[in-house]
Amino acid sequence: MDAHGRTNVLILKSDEHNPRIASTDGHPFIETPNLDRLAAAGVVYENAYCPSPLCCPSRSSFISGLPVHRIQAYNNSMVIELPDYPSYGRLLRDAGIHTVHVGKVDAYRPPDELGFAEMLGEGYRKVGDTAFSRDPLTIRDDAQERIRGVGVARDPFAGDDRRIAQAVSFIERAASLDRPWTMEVNIVAPHFPHYVTQELWDRYADHADLPEADATAASAQHPYAQDLRRHFGTDAFTEADVRRHRRAYYGRVTYVDNQLGVLLDALERTGQLANTVVAYTSDHGEMLGMFGMWWKCSMYEDSVRVPLVVAGPGFPQGVRVRTPVTQWDLNAAIFAAVGVPRPSDLAGVPLQTVAPDDRTRAVFAEYHGHGTQGSSFMVRQGGWKLIYHAKAPHQLFDLDSDPLEMRDLAPTEPARVRAMTALLREEFCDPEREQERAEAFIRRQLAAVSATSSSVPEATHT
């Protein structure tokens, strides 16, 4: 806190950051020194999850503090207008906090309707992505275009550089504000296309590697994994393609880490670092070739788990938390940090109150988007992880002994599946009902897209 007892909050949120590709997750060669710097000053949450492994659902759920099935932001299309749920930015602004949102929005309402005191962002899907039919499953035709999007490019981070500059400008102004502030800074990297500078390409020249498992692994044979590979056409990746994309991705992660350093330096330079909670996270992960899969949309760890490191007032230094948490807990942490009561119907608890190793706490994520024939629901408790699929066999993993999810234990642990399914129903949702609600809503969306004259997909990443 500063001399007036106030605390600020700064969140840097990247896009599509695989949680394993960070020094704070024990990666052997990735260079993320600023994540290490933040971790030394604060807390690494080893098992943090996004609300849903897709841009609009994840970001909408975080901003509103409500589960995806509550707000029905199921996919990357907003062709049907969603209700105006109050964002955390509006709730805190109304309580006297100066709230700022910078960069990518991709939420359930247009940027200027989300209620932040300052909105320096863009990105509202409207019709958006139209390839979200689940039955029949839409098959995309842009695999080769995505595969070609890799390597050295001129000024590959121009947009993100502008957003970071805007954030630094606000930090400089904020030093003279008469009230606490929050700022969420959203950048696109390391999201595809995987373009980097020559320096970053050269830095990882010796690390054009392969994932631990490919499309021949047992977990790659699950029907939803096969759906996603068909949907995206990822079987077109050659081994050389995989190596190039992973090499470039490492460079893009290091770029993101550099931007975290820029923001930390700006806070320090303006005398605000000591009284500011700083968090780094991402909207979802990136499969990065694991099980032959790319991008997100899966409930496997590489896709649904996210990096989360937080430091500042209210957080101990140099601590690692094994207890599973979600980004709703980060939402709740913002309210706790600035001292504003949070509505009781919102999901999550403040990160500041989470015990380091609570094996009883359960967390939840869900997916209703493109690429699979039905919805999925995840429950994590201790080392156990249930993935409940609406239209495919359920999966069960013991992440303590099998962190890469190579062995599905659902066939041999029926009692555990029943117990965790009961937990899903009691604490989070009725999966059959939510599958039906999602399917009905998606049918309405598809009809609306067909009736919309501007039904050509917008030029936005998915």
Protein backbone atom coordinates (compact mmCIF):
# COMPACT_ATOMS: atom_id res chain seq x y z
CA MET A 1 0.00 0.00 0.00
CA ASP A 2 1.06 3.61 -0.50
CA ALA A 3 1.06 6.32 2.13
CA HIS A 4 -2.70 6.69 1.69
CA GLY A 5 -3.31 2.97 2.23
CA ARG A 6 -4.40 2.26 -1.33
CA THR A 7 -3.47 -0.68 -3.54
CA ASN A 8 -3.57 -0.80 -7.32
CA VAL A 9 -3.84 -3.84 -9.63
CA LEU A 10 -2.13 -4.48 -12.96
CA ILE A 11 -2.85 -7.63 -14.97
CA LEU A 12 -0.88 -8.55 -18.07
CA LYS A 13 -2.87 -11.10 -20.06
CA SER A 14 -1.35 -12.74 -23.11
CA ASP A 15 -3.18 -14.92 -25.61
CA GLU A 16 -2.62 -18.66 -26.00
CA HIS A 17 0.30 -19.22 -23.64
CA ASN A 18 0.95 -22.91 -23.01
CA PRO A 19 1.43 -23.14 -19.22
CA ARG A 20 4.40 -25.49 -19.53
CA ILE A 21 6.39 -23.02 -21.67
CA ALA A 22 7.65 -20.86 -18.82
CA SER A 23 10.62 -21.01 -16.50
CA THR A 24 8.20 -20.82 -13.57
CA ASP A 25 6.75 -24.17 -14.71
CA GLY A 26 10.18 -25.77 -14.82
CA HIS A 27 10.80 -25.52 -18.55
CA PRO A 28 14.44 -26.41 -19.24
CA PHE A 29 15.44 -23.68 -21.69
CA ILE A 30 12.72 -21.05 -22.22
CA GLU A 31 13.94 -17.56 -21.28
CA THR A 32 11.32 -15.82 -19.13
CA PRO A 33 13.40 -13.90 -16.57
CA ASN A 34 10.67 -11.40 -15.76
CA LEU A 35 8.27 -14.19 -14.82
CA ASP A 36 11.03 -15.39 -12.50
CA ARG A 37 11.35 -11.84 -11.17
CA LEU A 38 7.61 -11.69 -10.47
CA ALA A 39 7.65 -15.18 -8.94
CA ALA A 40 10.48 -14.27 -6.55
CA ALA A 41 8.38 -11.36 -5.31
CA GLY A 42 5.12 -13.27 -5.13
CA VAL A 43 3.23 -16.50 -5.79
CA VAL A 44 3.26 -19.08 -8.59
CA TYR A 45 -0.07 -20.87 -8.95
CA GLU A 46 0.98 -24.20 -10.40
CA ASN A 47 -2.52 -25.41 -11.27
CA ALA A 48 -4.44 -22.42 -12.63
CA TYR A 49 -7.23 -22.86 -15.15
CA CYS A 50 -9.12 -20.63 -17.55
CA PRO A 51 -12.95 -20.72 -17.54
CA SER A 52 -13.05 -22.11 -21.09
CA PRO A 53 -10.23 -22.79 -23.60
CA LEU A 54 -11.38 -20.33 -26.26
CA CYS A 55 -10.98 -16.56 -26.56
CA CYS A 56 -14.47 -15.07 -26.25
CA PRO A 57 -15.84 -17.55 -23.68
CA SER A 58 -12.73 -17.29 -21.50
CA ARG A 59 -12.46 -13.51 -21.63
CA SER A 60 -16.20 -12.99 -21.19
CA SER A 61 -16.27 -15.26 -18.16
CA PHE A 62 -13.29 -13.54 -16.55
CA ILE A 63 -14.58 -10.01 -17.11
CA SER A 64 -18.07 -10.86 -15.82
CA GLY A 65 -16.95 -13.24 -13.07
CA LEU A 66 -19.65 -15.67 -14.18
CA PRO A 67 -19.37 -19.19 -15.69
CA VAL A 68 -19.72 -19.52 -19.44
CA HIS A 69 -23.00 -21.42 -19.18
CA ARG A 70 -24.47 -18.54 -17.12
CA ILE A 71 -23.71 -15.88 -19.69
CA GLN A 72 -24.00 -18.19 -22.75
CA ALA A 73 -20.85 -16.83 -24.40
CA TYR A 74 -20.27 -20.27 -25.89
CA ASN A 75 -18.06 -19.51 -28.88
CA ASN A 76 -16.32 -16.80 -30.88
CA SER A 77 -19.52 -15.37 -32.33
CA MET A 78 -21.69 -12.66 -30.83
CA VAL A 79 -24.26 -12.71 -33.65
CA ILE A 80 -26.93 -12.97 -30.91
CA GLU A 81 -26.57 -10.12 -28.43
CA LEU A 82 -25.94 -11.25 -24.87
CA PRO A 83 -27.25 -9.56 -21.70
CA ASP A 84 -25.33 -6.67 -20.22
CA TYR A 85 -23.81 -8.41 -17.20
CA PRO A 86 -21.81 -5.88 -15.16
CA SER A 87 -18.09 -6.27 -15.73
CA TYR A 88 -15.60 -6.07 -12.88
CA GLY A 89 -14.48 -2.83 -14.51
CA ARG A 90 -17.93 -1.30 -14.11
CA LEU A 91 -18.47 -2.60 -10.57
CA LEU A 92 -15.15 -1.21 -9.39
CA ARG A 93 -15.57 2.06 -11.27
CA ASP A 94 -18.91 2.58 -9.55
CA ALA A 95 -17.12 2.00 -6.22
CA GLY A 96 -14.60 4.77 -6.93
CA ILE A 97 -11.76 2.79 -8.51
CA HIS A 98 -10.27 4.05 -11.78
CA THR A 99 -10.54 0.99 -14.06
CA VAL A 100 -8.64 0.68 -17.34
CA HIS A 101 -8.73 -1.99 -20.04
CA VAL A 102 -6.02 -2.02 -22.71
CA GLY A 103 -5.85 -4.13 -25.87
CA LYS A 104 -7.79 -7.18 -27.02
CA VAL A 105 -11.35 -7.38 -25.67
CA ASP A 106 -13.23 -10.28 -27.33
CA ALA A 107 -16.03 -10.19 -24.76
CA TYR A 108 -19.79 -10.53 -24.46
CA ARG A 109 -20.49 -6.84 -25.08
CA PRO A 110 -18.86 -4.16 -27.29
CA PRO A 111 -15.84 -2.52 -25.66
CA ASP A 112 -17.58 0.79 -24.99
CA GLU A 113 -20.42 -0.99 -23.14
CA LEU A 114 -18.28 -2.86 -20.63
CA GLY A 115 -18.15 0.05 -18.21
CA PHE A 116 -14.43 0.55 -17.64
CA ALA A 117 -13.41 4.12 -16.82
CA GLU A 118 -10.94 3.96 -19.72
CA MET A 119 -11.25 1.49 -22.59
CA LEU A 120 -8.13 1.48 -24.75
CA GLY A 121 -9.15 -1.73 -26.49
CA GLU A 122 -10.77 -3.21 -29.53
CA GLY A 123 -12.18 -6.47 -30.79
CA TYR A 124 -15.87 -7.34 -30.74
CA ARG A 125 -16.77 -10.39 -32.79
CA LYS A 126 -20.42 -9.67 -33.69
CA VAL A 127 -20.95 -12.28 -36.43
CA GLY A 128 -17.33 -13.23 -35.89
CA ASP A 129 -16.23 -16.78 -36.52
CA THR A 130 -18.93 -18.77 -38.31
CA ALA A 131 -17.27 -22.21 -38.31
CA PHE A 132 -18.86 -23.29 -35.03
CA SER A 133 -21.40 -25.91 -36.05
CA ARG A 134 -21.00 -29.03 -33.90
CA ASP A 135 -23.59 -31.33 -35.48
CA PRO A 136 -22.62 -31.66 -38.25
CA LEU A 137 -19.05 -30.75 -37.35
CA THR A 138 -17.65 -27.87 -39.41
CA ILE A 139 -14.33 -28.60 -41.11
CA ARG A 140 -12.10 -25.55 -41.71
CA ASP A 141 -10.12 -25.10 -44.92
CA ASP A 142 -7.33 -22.80 -43.73
CA ALA A 143 -4.82 -25.34 -42.37
CA GLN A 144 -2.17 -24.53 -44.97
CA GLU A 145 -2.52 -20.80 -44.35
CA ARG A 146 -1.99 -21.34 -40.64
CA ILE A 147 0.96 -23.66 -41.23
CA ARG A 148 2.64 -21.04 -43.42
CA GLY A 149 2.31 -18.41 -40.67
CA VAL A 150 5.69 -18.93 -39.05
CA GLY A 151 9.22 -17.56 -39.11
CA VAL A 152 10.91 -14.18 -39.29
CA ALA A 153 8.77 -11.19 -40.21
CA ARG A 154 9.21 -7.46 -40.26
CA ASP A 155 7.86 -5.81 -37.10
CA PRO A 156 5.86 -8.88 -35.95
CA PHE A 157 4.84 -7.32 -32.63
CA ALA A 158 3.78 -3.85 -33.81
CA GLY A 159 0.26 -4.05 -32.40
CA ASP A 160 1.37 -5.38 -29.03
CA ASP A 161 4.13 -2.79 -28.83
CA ARG A 162 1.49 -0.08 -29.20
CA ARG A 163 -0.62 -1.58 -26.44
CA ILE A 164 2.33 -1.79 -24.06
CA ALA A 165 3.18 1.83 -24.86
CA GLN A 166 -0.40 2.82 -23.98
CA ALA A 167 -0.12 0.91 -20.72
CA VAL A 168 3.17 2.60 -19.82
CA SER A 169 1.64 5.98 -20.61
CA PHE A 170 -1.19 5.24 -18.20
CA ILE A 171 1.22 4.07 -15.48
CA GLU A 172 3.02 7.40 -15.77
CA ARG A 173 -0.29 9.28 -15.49
CA ALA A 174 -1.50 7.05 -12.67
CA ALA A 175 1.26 8.19 -10.35
CA SER A 176 -0.73 11.40 -9.82
CA LEU A 177 -4.21 9.87 -9.63
CA ASP A 178 -6.18 10.65 -6.47
CA ARG A 179 -7.69 7.15 -6.21
CA PRO A 180 -6.69 3.50 -6.65
CA TRP A 181 -6.63 2.04 -10.13
CA THR A 182 -6.78 -1.27 -11.94
CA MET A 183 -5.47 -1.96 -15.43
CA GLU A 184 -5.83 -5.11 -17.51
CA VAL A 185 -3.34 -5.12 -20.40
CA ASN A 186 -4.14 -7.60 -23.16
CA ILE A 187 -1.64 -8.51 -25.87
CA VAL A 188 -1.96 -11.00 -28.73
CA ALA A 189 1.37 -12.83 -28.47
CA PRO A 190 2.17 -15.71 -28.31
CA HIS A 191 -1.02 -16.48 -30.33
CA PHE A 192 -0.49 -17.61 -33.93
CA PRO A 193 0.61 -16.69 -36.57
CA HIS A 194 4.00 -17.53 -35.13
CA TYR A 195 6.08 -14.68 -36.52
CA VAL A 196 9.14 -13.40 -34.66
CA THR A 197 12.09 -11.08 -35.09
CA GLN A 198 15.38 -12.44 -36.44
CA GLU A 199 16.90 -12.11 -32.98
CA LEU A 200 14.21 -14.25 -31.34
CA TRP A 201 14.32 -16.79 -34.18
CA ASP A 202 18.07 -17.14 -33.76
CA ARG A 203 17.82 -17.34 -29.98
CA TYR A 204 15.99 -20.66 -30.20
CA ALA A 205 17.86 -22.11 -33.17
CA ASP A 206 18.89 -25.15 -31.13
CA HIS A 207 15.38 -25.80 -29.84
CA ALA A 208 13.27 -26.67 -32.88
CA ASP A 209 11.94 -29.65 -30.98
CA LEU A 210 8.93 -31.97 -30.95
CA PRO A 211 6.20 -32.44 -28.32
CA GLU A 212 6.35 -35.29 -25.83
CA ALA A 213 3.55 -37.15 -27.65
CA ASP A 214 2.07 -37.02 -31.14
CA ALA A 215 -1.11 -38.20 -32.87
CA THR A 216 -0.21 -41.84 -32.27
CA ALA A 217 -0.55 -41.54 -28.47
CA ALA A 218 -3.50 -43.19 -26.74
CA SER A 219 -5.00 -39.85 -25.62
CA ALA A 220 -4.85 -38.63 -29.22
CA GLN A 221 -7.38 -41.33 -30.15
CA HIS A 222 -10.19 -39.92 -28.03
CA PRO A 223 -13.12 -38.94 -30.29
CA TYR A 224 -12.93 -35.24 -29.35
CA ALA A 225 -9.18 -35.16 -30.05
CA GLN A 226 -9.87 -36.68 -33.45
CA ASP A 227 -12.67 -34.14 -33.99
CA LEU A 228 -10.31 -31.25 -33.33
CA ARG A 229 -7.63 -32.56 -35.66
CA ARG A 230 -10.23 -32.98 -38.42
CA HIS A 231 -11.81 -29.59 -37.71
CA PHE A 232 -8.49 -27.76 -37.97
CA GLY A 233 -6.80 -30.05 -40.52
CA THR A 234 -3.75 -30.40 -38.30
CA ASP A 235 -2.70 -33.70 -39.86
CA ALA A 236 -1.24 -31.48 -42.59
CA PHE A 237 1.61 -30.44 -40.24
CA THR A 238 4.86 -32.13 -41.24
CA GLU A 239 7.58 -32.81 -38.68
CA ALA A 240 9.50 -29.85 -40.10
CA ASP A 241 6.42 -27.63 -39.67
CA VAL A 242 6.04 -28.72 -36.05
CA ARG A 243 9.66 -27.91 -35.31
CA ARG A 244 9.46 -24.47 -36.95
CA HIS A 245 6.30 -23.51 -35.11
CA ARG A 246 7.60 -24.61 -31.74
CA ARG A 247 10.88 -22.75 -32.28
CA ALA A 248 9.04 -19.55 -33.18
CA TYR A 249 6.56 -19.98 -30.34
CA TYR A 250 9.41 -19.99 -27.83
CA GLY A 251 10.51 -16.65 -29.24
CA ARG A 252 7.02 -15.23 -28.94
CA VAL A 253 6.82 -16.30 -25.29
CA THR A 254 10.12 -14.56 -24.60
CA TYR A 255 8.70 -11.43 -26.26
CA VAL A 256 5.73 -11.58 -23.88
CA ASP A 257 8.10 -11.90 -20.93
CA ASN A 258 10.00 -8.85 -22.13
CA GLN A 259 6.77 -6.84 -22.06
CA LEU A 260 6.13 -7.91 -18.49
CA GLY A 261 9.56 -6.47 -17.71
CA VAL A 262 8.64 -3.19 -19.40
CA LEU A 263 5.55 -2.85 -17.21
CA LEU A 264 7.39 -3.79 -14.01
CA ASP A 265 10.10 -1.26 -14.80
CA ALA A 266 7.49 1.45 -15.42
CA LEU A 267 5.86 0.77 -12.06
CA GLU A 268 9.22 0.85 -10.33
CA ARG A 269 10.30 4.01 -12.13
CA THR A 270 7.13 5.84 -11.06
CA GLY A 271 7.27 4.65 -7.46
CA GLN A 272 4.15 2.46 -7.72
CA LEU A 273 5.56 -1.07 -7.71
CA ALA A 274 5.39 -1.54 -3.94
CA ASN A 275 1.68 -0.69 -3.79
CA THR A 276 0.55 -2.52 -6.94
CA VAL A 277 -0.60 -6.12 -7.23
CA VAL A 278 0.86 -7.42 -10.52
CA ALA A 279 -0.48 -10.56 -12.16
CA TYR A 280 0.55 -12.37 -15.32
CA THR A 281 -1.74 -14.88 -17.01
CA SER A 282 -3.19 -15.89 -20.39
CA ASP A 283 -6.71 -16.42 -21.71
CA HIS A 284 -6.01 -20.12 -22.41
CA GLY A 285 -3.18 -22.40 -23.45
CA GLU A 286 -1.86 -23.82 -26.74
CA MET A 287 -1.59 -27.53 -27.57
CA LEU A 288 1.60 -26.84 -29.57
CA GLY A 289 1.52 -30.19 -31.37
CA MET A 290 0.78 -32.36 -28.34
CA PHE A 291 -1.32 -35.36 -29.46
CA GLY A 292 -1.13 -33.91 -32.97
CA MET A 293 -3.31 -31.00 -31.85
CA TRP A 294 -2.75 -27.26 -32.20
CA TRP A 295 -4.20 -24.12 -30.69
CA LYS A 296 -6.81 -24.59 -27.95
CA CYS A 297 -10.42 -25.91 -27.66
CA SER A 298 -9.34 -29.00 -25.70
CA MET A 299 -9.64 -29.88 -22.04
CA TYR A 300 -6.12 -31.32 -22.01
CA GLU A 301 -3.73 -29.44 -19.73
CA ASP A 302 -1.78 -27.72 -22.50
CA SER A 303 -4.99 -26.02 -23.60
CA VAL A 304 -7.10 -25.40 -20.48
CA ARG A 305 -4.38 -24.72 -17.88
CA VAL A 306 -2.78 -21.26 -17.86
CA PRO A 307 0.26 -19.59 -16.32
CA LEU A 308 -0.58 -17.48 -13.27
CA VAL A 309 1.97 -15.55 -11.21
CA VAL A 310 0.92 -12.78 -8.81
CA ALA A 311 2.92 -10.45 -6.57
CA GLY A 312 2.24 -7.38 -4.49
CA PRO A 313 0.42 -6.32 -1.32
CA GLY A 314 -1.45 -9.24 0.23
CA PHE A 315 0.71 -11.92 -1.44
CA PRO A 316 3.69 -13.67 0.21
CA GLN A 317 7.06 -13.74 -1.52
CA GLY A 318 8.59 -16.76 -3.21
CA VAL A 319 5.65 -19.12 -2.62
CA ARG A 320 4.30 -21.88 -4.86
CA VAL A 321 0.64 -22.89 -4.56
CA ARG A 322 -0.39 -26.40 -5.64
CA THR A 323 -4.08 -25.92 -4.87
CA PRO A 324 -6.07 -25.70 -8.11
CA VAL A 325 -7.36 -22.19 -8.85
CA THR A 326 -9.23 -20.50 -11.68
CA GLN A 327 -9.27 -17.07 -13.22
CA TRP A 328 -12.46 -16.35 -11.30
CA ASP A 329 -10.21 -16.39 -8.25
CA LEU A 330 -8.06 -13.76 -9.96
CA ASN A 331 -11.21 -11.71 -10.59
CA ALA A 332 -12.05 -12.01 -6.89
CA ALA A 333 -8.47 -11.06 -5.99
CA ILE A 334 -8.89 -7.71 -7.74
CA PHE A 335 -11.82 -6.78 -5.49
CA ALA A 336 -9.93 -7.95 -2.39
CA ALA A 337 -6.83 -5.96 -3.34
CA VAL A 338 -8.66 -2.66 -3.77
CA GLY A 339 -10.97 -3.26 -0.81
CA VAL A 340 -14.31 -3.32 -2.62
CA PRO A 341 -17.02 -5.85 -1.66
CA ARG A 342 -17.73 -8.32 -4.45
CA PRO A 343 -21.23 -9.48 -5.43
CA SER A 344 -21.95 -12.81 -3.77
CA ASP A 345 -23.26 -14.47 -6.93
CA LEU A 346 -19.91 -14.26 -8.73
CA ALA A 347 -17.72 -17.35 -9.04
CA GLY A 348 -14.40 -17.85 -7.28
CA VAL A 349 -12.68 -16.75 -4.09
CA PRO A 350 -9.79 -14.29 -3.70
CA LEU A 351 -6.42 -15.81 -4.51
CA GLN A 352 -5.16 -14.18 -1.32
CA THR A 353 -7.29 -16.66 0.69
CA VAL A 354 -6.32 -19.89 -1.13
CA ALA A 355 -4.27 -22.35 0.93
CA PRO A 356 -0.98 -23.52 -0.59
CA ASP A 357 -1.89 -27.21 -0.85
CA ASP A 358 -5.58 -27.88 -0.39
CA ARG A 359 -6.29 -31.33 -1.84
CA THR A 360 -10.05 -30.97 -1.31
CA ARG A 361 -10.72 -27.83 -3.30
CA ALA A 362 -12.38 -28.44 -6.67
CA VAL A 363 -12.27 -26.16 -9.72
CA PHE A 364 -14.22 -26.21 -12.96
CA ALA A 365 -13.95 -25.34 -16.64
CA GLU A 366 -16.23 -25.94 -19.60
CA TYR A 367 -16.12 -25.90 -23.39
CA HIS A 368 -18.97 -25.47 -25.88
CA GLY A 369 -17.13 -24.03 -28.87
CA HIS A 370 -16.07 -25.14 -32.31
CA GLY A 371 -14.20 -28.31 -33.22
CA THR A 372 -15.99 -30.96 -31.16
CA GLN A 373 -19.40 -32.56 -31.54
CA GLY A 374 -20.55 -31.64 -28.05
CA SER A 375 -19.73 -29.87 -24.81
CA SER A 376 -17.05 -30.82 -22.28
CA PHE A 377 -16.79 -30.12 -18.56
CA MET A 378 -13.67 -30.40 -16.41
CA VAL A 379 -13.38 -30.89 -12.66
CA ARG A 380 -9.97 -30.83 -10.96
CA GLN A 381 -9.58 -31.86 -7.33
CA GLY A 382 -6.18 -32.60 -5.86
CA GLY A 383 -4.32 -34.61 -8.47
CA TRP A 384 -7.48 -35.99 -10.06
CA LYS A 385 -8.99 -34.53 -13.21
CA LEU A 386 -12.29 -35.60 -14.75
CA ILE A 387 -13.22 -34.53 -18.27
CA TYR A 388 -16.94 -35.13 -18.73
CA HIS A 389 -17.85 -35.23 -22.42
CA ALA A 390 -21.43 -34.82 -23.60
CA LYS A 391 -20.98 -36.91 -26.75
CA ALA A 392 -17.91 -39.06 -26.10
CA PRO A 393 -16.46 -41.27 -23.37
CA HIS A 394 -15.45 -39.42 -20.22
CA GLN A 395 -11.77 -39.27 -19.25
CA LEU A 396 -10.01 -39.44 -15.90
CA PHE A 397 -6.38 -38.57 -15.23
CA ASP A 398 -4.16 -38.74 -12.16
CA LEU A 399 -2.03 -35.68 -12.79
CA ASP A 400 0.24 -36.41 -9.84
CA SER A 401 1.59 -39.52 -11.53
CA ASP A 402 0.70 -38.66 -15.14
CA PRO A 403 1.06 -34.90 -15.73
CA LEU A 404 1.11 -35.33 -19.52
CA GLU A 405 -2.28 -37.13 -19.51
CA MET A 406 -1.01 -40.21 -21.29
CA ARG A 407 -3.15 -42.73 -19.36
CA ASP A 408 -6.93 -42.44 -19.21
CA LEU A 409 -8.02 -44.16 -15.98
CA ALA A 410 -11.79 -43.84 -16.51
CA PRO A 411 -12.19 -47.50 -17.56
CA THR A 412 -10.36 -48.79 -14.48
CA GLU A 413 -11.52 -46.23 -11.85
CA PRO A 414 -15.34 -46.18 -12.18
CA ALA A 415 -15.86 -45.26 -8.53
CA ARG A 416 -13.62 -42.20 -8.90
CA VAL A 417 -15.48 -41.19 -12.08
CA ARG A 418 -18.81 -41.46 -10.24
CA ALA A 419 -17.53 -39.42 -7.30
CA MET A 420 -16.16 -36.63 -9.46
CA THR A 421 -19.27 -36.61 -11.63
CA ALA A 422 -21.33 -36.13 -8.49
CA LEU A 423 -19.00 -33.25 -7.55
CA LEU A 424 -19.54 -31.70 -10.98
CA ARG A 425 -23.32 -31.86 -10.57
CA GLU A 426 -23.41 -30.67 -6.95
CA GLU A 427 -20.95 -27.77 -7.16
CA PHE A 428 -20.94 -26.55 -10.73
CA CYS A 429 -23.67 -27.55 -13.19
CA ASP A 430 -25.89 -30.22 -14.68
CA PRO A 431 -23.83 -31.23 -17.74
CA GLU A 432 -26.75 -32.73 -19.69
CA ARG A 433 -28.84 -29.62 -19.21
CA GLU A 434 -25.99 -27.34 -20.20
CA GLN A 435 -25.25 -29.43 -23.28
CA GLU A 436 -28.90 -29.01 -24.33
CA ARG A 437 -28.91 -25.26 -23.61
CA ALA A 438 -25.69 -24.78 -25.55
CA GLU A 439 -26.95 -26.78 -28.51
CA ALA A 440 -30.20 -24.82 -28.65
CA PHE A 441 -28.33 -21.52 -28.48
CA ILE A 442 -25.87 -22.57 -31.17
CA ARG A 443 -28.77 -23.51 -33.48
CA ARG A 444 -30.16 -20.00 -32.96
CA GLN A 445 -26.74 -18.54 -33.73
CA LEU A 446 -26.41 -20.55 -36.95
CA ALA A 447 -29.86 -19.39 -38.05
CA ALA A 448 -28.92 -15.79 -37.27
CA VAL A 449 -25.69 -16.11 -39.25
CA SER A 450 -27.64 -17.47 -42.23
CA ALA A 451 -30.07 -14.57 -42.00
CA THR A 452 -27.32 -11.96 -41.73
CA SER A 453 -26.23 -10.41 -45.00
CA SER A 454 -22.73 -9.81 -43.61
CA SER A 455 -22.21 -13.50 -42.89
CA VAL A 456 -18.67 -13.63 -44.23
CA PRO A 457 -16.35 -14.39 -41.29
CA GLU A 458 -14.56 -11.35 -39.91
CA ALA A 459 -10.78 -11.19 -40.11
CA THR A 460 -10.20 -12.29 -36.55
CA HIS A 461 -8.11 -15.13 -35.20
CA THR A 462 -9.84 -18.13 -33.68
